[in-house]
C-alpha atoms as a PDB file:
ATOM      1  CA  MET A   1      16.382-151.537 -98.520  1.00  0.00           C
ATOM      2  CA  ASN A   2      16.865-147.842-100.539  1.00  0.00           C
ATOM      3  CA  PRO A   3      15.303-145.180 -98.981  1.00  0.00           C
ATOM      4  CA  VAL A   4      14.119-143.280-101.312  1.00  0.00           C
ATOM      5  CA  GLU A   5      11.699-146.556-102.170  1.00  0.00           C
ATOM      6  CA  TYR A   6      11.012-146.854 -98.715  1.00  0.00           C
ATOM      7  CA  LYS A   7       9.786-142.969 -98.075  1.00  0.00           C
ATOM      8  CA  PRO A   8       5.794-143.091 -99.914  1.00  0.00           C
ATOM      9  CA  ALA A   9       5.668-146.428 -97.893  1.00  0.00           C
ATOM     10  CA  ARG A  10       5.625-144.458 -94.808  1.00  0.00           C
ATOM     11  CA  ARG A  11       4.057-141.296 -95.945  1.00  0.00           C
ATOM     12  CA  HIS A  12       1.217-143.450 -97.086  1.00  0.00           C
ATOM     13  CA  ARG A  13       1.355-145.327 -93.508  1.00  0.00           C
ATOM     14  CA  LEU A  14       1.245-141.904 -92.279  1.00  0.00           C
ATOM     15  CA  ARG A  15      -1.831-140.428 -93.987  1.00  0.00           C
ATOM     16  CA  GLU A  16      -3.992-143.523 -92.849  1.00  0.00           C
ATOM     17  CA  ILE A  17      -3.050-143.206 -89.324  1.00  0.00           C
ATOM     18  CA  LEU A  18      -4.037-138.862 -89.980  1.00  0.00           C
ATOM     19  CA  VAL A  19      -7.612-140.937 -92.019  1.00  0.00           C
ATOM     20  CA  ASP A  20      -8.633-143.232 -89.228  1.00  0.00           C
ATOM     21  CA  VAL A  21      -7.670-140.424 -86.649  1.00  0.00           C
ATOM     22  CA  ALA A  22      -9.818-138.005 -88.416  1.00  0.00           C
ATOM     23  CA  ALA A  23     -12.466-140.715 -89.224  1.00  0.00           C
ATOM     24  CA  GLY A  24     -12.926-141.622 -85.231  1.00  0.00           C
ATOM     25  CA  VAL A  25     -13.045-138.012 -84.465  1.00  0.00           C
ATOM     26  CA  VAL A  26     -15.988-137.057 -86.823  1.00  0.00           C
ATOM     27  CA  THR A  27     -17.928-140.173 -85.724  1.00  0.00           C
ATOM     28  CA  GLN A  28     -17.575-139.455 -81.941  1.00  0.00           C
ATOM     29  CA  LEU A  29     -18.806-135.663 -83.381  1.00  0.00           C
ATOM     30  CA  VAL A  30     -21.837-137.309 -85.287  1.00  0.00           C
ATOM     31  CA  VAL A  31     -22.973-139.334 -81.753  1.00  0.00           C
ATOM     32  CA  MET A  32     -22.641-136.593 -79.721  1.00  0.00           C
ATOM     33  CA  ALA A  33     -25.006-134.534 -82.186  1.00  0.00           C
ATOM     34  CA  LEU A  34     -27.114-137.253 -82.531  1.00  0.00           C
ATOM     35  CA  ALA A  35     -27.351-137.261 -78.476  1.00  0.00           C
ATOM     36  CA  ALA A  36     -27.779-134.167 -78.323  1.00  0.00           C
ATOM     37  CA  ALA A  37     -30.629-134.031 -80.781  1.00  0.00           C
ATOM     38  CA  ALA A  38     -32.579-136.598 -79.421  1.00  0.00           C
ATOM     39  CA  ARG A  39     -32.251-134.938 -75.680  1.00  0.00           C
ATOM     40  CA  LEU A  40     -34.180-131.896 -77.451  1.00  0.00           C
ATOM     41  CA  LEU A  41     -36.490-133.804 -79.108  1.00  0.00           C
ATOM     42  CA  PHE A  42     -37.393-137.177 -76.378  1.00  0.00           C
END
């Protein structure tokens, strides 16, 4: 396996992991914001 060919795939996988983590954090923040808003309204 040529290291030059392998590097972009590794970088792409790392990007996928970072995007998944970021999406999870954003989802948690949205859920917390909705819960706080619901607590204020109801």
